[in-house]
């Protein structure tokens, strides 16, 4: 519990670093028929999205490691593999990414500057 405010700050900066909602201003420009989504097609487009989602999984793993205890099980009487516990904690953070993308609107440039 003492690390909860730091976890929130880390999660918000992770959203900004991975260009997810509400900080996805490069994608906002792509909606105006410009940007990297229009420039690339085929394997280039697939590699952009593979890099984006692998970055999300990496950041979720770091969040689970730093703030949820990594592979440690909260209850000692449960016998589950450590890798399964760690994967479930990563899935928790990836689900948070999906929930934030679905619920928060995108910032405008002036709102993002005011936030900073």
C-alpha atoms as a PDB file:
ATOM      1  CA  UNK A   1       0.000   0.000   0.000  1.00  0.00           C
ATOM      2  CA  UNK A   2       2.779   2.566   0.565  1.00  0.00           C
ATOM      3  CA  UNK A   3       3.822   2.213  -3.087  1.00  0.00           C
ATOM      4  CA  UNK A   4       0.318   2.759  -4.513  1.00  0.00           C
ATOM      5  CA  UNK A   5       0.835   6.471  -5.420  1.00  0.00           C
ATOM      6  CA  UNK A   6       4.140   5.602  -7.074  1.00  0.00           C
ATOM      7  CA  UNK A   7       2.424   2.779  -8.964  1.00  0.00           C
ATOM      8  CA  UNK A   8      -0.174   5.246 -10.288  1.00  0.00           C
ATOM      9  CA  UNK A   9       2.534   7.656 -11.425  1.00  0.00           C
ATOM     10  CA  UNK A  10       4.454   4.790 -13.046  1.00  0.00           C
ATOM     11  CA  UNK A  11       1.314   3.576 -14.814  1.00  0.00           C
ATOM     12  CA  UNK A  12       0.479   7.036 -16.172  1.00  0.00           C
ATOM     13  CA  UNK A  13       4.042   7.526 -17.430  1.00  0.00           C
ATOM     14  CA  UNK A  14       3.904   4.054 -18.978  1.00  0.00           C
ATOM     15  CA  UNK A  15       0.736   5.053 -20.828  1.00  0.00           C
ATOM     16  CA  UNK A  16       2.505   8.158 -22.089  1.00  0.00           C
ATOM     17  CA  UNK A  17       5.640   6.242 -23.086  1.00  0.00           C
ATOM     18  CA  UNK A  18       3.755   3.604 -25.048  1.00  0.00           C
ATOM     19  CA  UNK A  19       1.576   6.220 -26.824  1.00  0.00           C
ATOM     20  CA  UNK A  20      -1.680   4.777 -25.535  1.00  0.00           C
ATOM     21  CA  UNK A  21      -4.908   6.618 -24.691  1.00  0.00           C
ATOM     22  CA  UNK A  22      -5.085   9.402 -23.551  1.00  0.00           C
ATOM     23  CA  UNK A  23      -1.549  10.262 -24.735  1.00  0.00           C
ATOM     24  CA  UNK A  24      -1.651   8.893 -28.302  1.00  0.00           C
ATOM     25  CA  UNK A  25      -1.173  12.162 -30.132  1.00  0.00           C
ATOM     26  CA  UNK A  26       0.775  10.609 -33.063  1.00  0.00           C
ATOM     27  CA  UNK A  27      -2.256   8.411 -33.817  1.00  0.00           C
ATOM     28  CA  UNK A  28      -4.520  11.444 -33.610  1.00  0.00           C
ATOM     29  CA  UNK A  29      -2.621  12.950 -36.514  1.00  0.00           C
ATOM     30  CA  UNK A  30      -2.959   9.685 -38.425  1.00  0.00           C
ATOM     31  CA  UNK A  31      -6.709  10.041 -38.284  1.00  0.00           C
ATOM     32  CA  UNK A  32      -6.337  13.111 -40.480  1.00  0.00           C
ATOM     33  CA  UNK A  33      -5.015  10.875 -43.286  1.00  0.00           C
ATOM     34  CA  UNK A  34      -1.362  11.381 -42.530  1.00  0.00           C
ATOM     35  CA  UNK A  35       1.188   9.791 -40.252  1.00  0.00           C
ATOM     36  CA  UNK A  36       2.781   6.402 -39.975  1.00  0.00           C
ATOM     37  CA  UNK A  37      -0.455   4.379 -40.232  1.00  0.00           C
ATOM     38  CA  UNK A  38      -0.943   5.562 -43.795  1.00  0.00           C
ATOM     39  CA  UNK A  39       2.731   5.493 -44.769  1.00  0.00           C
ATOM     40  CA  UNK A  40       3.303   1.842 -43.920  1.00  0.00           C
ATOM     41  CA  UNK A  41       1.394  -1.217 -45.046  1.00  0.00           C
ATOM     42  CA  UNK A  42       1.933  -4.929 -44.866  1.00  0.00           C
ATOM     43  CA  UNK A  43       4.883  -6.079 -42.798  1.00  0.00           C
ATOM     44  CA  UNK A  44       5.955  -2.547 -41.834  1.00  0.00           C
ATOM     45  CA  UNK A  45       2.572  -1.890 -40.281  1.00  0.00           C
ATOM     46  CA  UNK A  46       2.660  -5.277 -38.536  1.00  0.00           C
ATOM     47  CA  UNK A  47       6.112  -4.558 -37.101  1.00  0.00           C
ATOM     48  CA  UNK A  48       4.953  -1.205 -35.700  1.00  0.00           C
ATOM     49  CA  UNK A  49       2.057  -2.849 -33.910  1.00  0.00           C
ATOM     50  CA  UNK A  50       4.191  -5.789 -32.753  1.00  0.00           C
ATOM     51  CA  UNK A  51       6.678  -3.354 -31.233  1.00  0.00           C
ATOM     52  CA  UNK A  52       3.886  -1.355 -29.582  1.00  0.00           C
ATOM     53  CA  UNK A  53       2.228  -4.339 -27.960  1.00  0.00           C
ATOM     54  CA  UNK A  54       5.493  -5.999 -26.946  1.00  0.00           C
ATOM     55  CA  UNK A  55       6.388  -2.722 -25.212  1.00  0.00           C
ATOM     56  CA  UNK A  56       3.053  -2.884 -23.369  1.00  0.00           C
ATOM     57  CA  UNK A  57       3.768  -6.448 -22.227  1.00  0.00           C
ATOM     58  CA  UNK A  58       7.298  -5.471 -21.157  1.00  0.00           C
ATOM     59  CA  UNK A  59       6.030  -2.490 -19.142  1.00  0.00           C
ATOM     60  CA  UNK A  60       3.306  -4.648 -17.587  1.00  0.00           C
ATOM     61  CA  UNK A  61       5.947  -7.164 -16.559  1.00  0.00           C
ATOM     62  CA  UNK A  62       8.026  -4.439 -14.965  1.00  0.00           C
ATOM     63  CA  UNK A  63       4.964  -3.094 -13.142  1.00  0.00           C
ATOM     64  CA  UNK A  64       4.114  -6.564 -11.841  1.00  0.00           C
ATOM     65  CA  UNK A  65       7.708  -7.044 -10.751  1.00  0.00           C
ATOM     66  CA  UNK A  66       8.048  -3.672  -9.028  1.00  0.00           C
ATOM     67  CA  UNK A  67       4.631  -3.270  -7.416  1.00  0.00           C
ATOM     68  CA  UNK A  68       2.867  -6.648  -7.150  1.00  0.00           C
ATOM     69  CA  UNK A  69       5.710  -8.770  -5.837  1.00  0.00           C
ATOM     70  CA  UNK A  70       6.796 -10.426  -9.065  1.00  0.00           C
ATOM     71  CA  UNK A  71       6.297 -14.178  -8.939  1.00  0.00           C
ATOM     72  CA  UNK A  72       5.451 -14.373  -5.235  1.00  0.00           C
ATOM     73  CA  UNK A  73       2.063 -15.767  -4.283  1.00  0.00           C
ATOM     74  CA  UNK A  74       0.045 -13.653  -1.833  1.00  0.00           C
ATOM     75  CA  UNK A  75      -1.227 -16.746   0.019  1.00  0.00           C
ATOM     76  CA  UNK A  76       1.231 -19.461   1.042  1.00  0.00           C
ATOM     77  CA  UNK A  77      -1.237 -22.363   1.030  1.00  0.00           C
ATOM     78  CA  UNK A  78      -1.906 -22.118  -2.717  1.00  0.00           C
ATOM     79  CA  UNK A  79       0.383 -24.285  -4.845  1.00  0.00           C
ATOM     80  CA  UNK A  80       0.602 -22.658  -8.272  1.00  0.00           C
ATOM     81  CA  UNK A  81       3.650 -22.389 -10.490  1.00  0.00           C
ATOM     82  CA  UNK A  82       5.606 -19.155 -10.124  1.00  0.00           C
ATOM     83  CA  UNK A  83       5.512 -18.456 -13.855  1.00  0.00           C
ATOM     84  CA  UNK A  84       1.713 -18.771 -13.899  1.00  0.00           C
ATOM     85  CA  UNK A  85       1.420 -16.305 -11.017  1.00  0.00           C
ATOM     86  CA  UNK A  86       3.718 -13.838 -12.794  1.00  0.00           C
ATOM     87  CA  UNK A  87       1.772 -14.244 -16.058  1.00  0.00           C
ATOM     88  CA  UNK A  88      -1.515 -13.564 -14.247  1.00  0.00           C
ATOM     89  CA  UNK A  89      -0.079 -10.371 -12.754  1.00  0.00           C
ATOM     90  CA  UNK A  90       1.081  -9.265 -16.206  1.00  0.00           C
ATOM     91  CA  UNK A  91      -2.418  -9.963 -17.550  1.00  0.00           C
ATOM     92  CA  UNK A  92      -3.819  -7.709 -14.812  1.00  0.00           C
ATOM     93  CA  UNK A  93      -1.754  -4.757 -16.057  1.00  0.00           C
ATOM     94  CA  UNK A  94      -2.447  -5.475 -19.736  1.00  0.00           C
ATOM     95  CA  UNK A  95      -6.152  -5.493 -18.869  1.00  0.00           C
ATOM     96  CA  UNK A  96      -5.691  -2.085 -17.219  1.00  0.00           C
ATOM     97  CA  UNK A  97      -4.195  -0.827 -20.488  1.00  0.00           C
ATOM     98  CA  UNK A  98      -7.286  -2.034 -22.372  1.00  0.00           C
ATOM     99  CA  UNK A  99      -9.692  -0.547 -19.820  1.00  0.00           C
ATOM    100  CA  UNK A 100      -7.949   2.845 -19.900  1.00  0.00           C
ATOM    101  CA  UNK A 101      -7.998   2.881 -23.698  1.00  0.00           C
ATOM    102  CA  UNK A 102     -11.725   2.174 -23.718  1.00  0.00           C
ATOM    103  CA  UNK A 103     -12.760   4.677 -21.061  1.00  0.00           C
ATOM    104  CA  UNK A 104     -10.583   7.795 -21.249  1.00  0.00           C
ATOM    105  CA  UNK A 105     -10.826  10.342 -24.064  1.00  0.00           C
ATOM    106  CA  UNK A 106      -7.781  11.580 -25.918  1.00  0.00           C
ATOM    107  CA  UNK A 107      -6.057  14.753 -24.720  1.00  0.00           C
ATOM    108  CA  UNK A 108      -5.641  17.737 -26.992  1.00  0.00           C
ATOM    109  CA  UNK A 109      -2.184  19.282 -27.269  1.00  0.00           C
ATOM    110  CA  UNK A 110      -3.032  22.194 -24.971  1.00  0.00           C
ATOM    111  CA  UNK A 111      -4.460  19.844 -22.316  1.00  0.00           C
ATOM    112  CA  UNK A 112      -1.318  17.699 -22.449  1.00  0.00           C
ATOM    113  CA  UNK A 113       0.891  20.744 -21.983  1.00  0.00           C
ATOM    114  CA  UNK A 114      -1.219  21.846 -19.016  1.00  0.00           C
ATOM    115  CA  UNK A 115      -0.914  18.353 -17.512  1.00  0.00           C
ATOM    116  CA  UNK A 116       2.862  18.431 -17.868  1.00  0.00           C
END
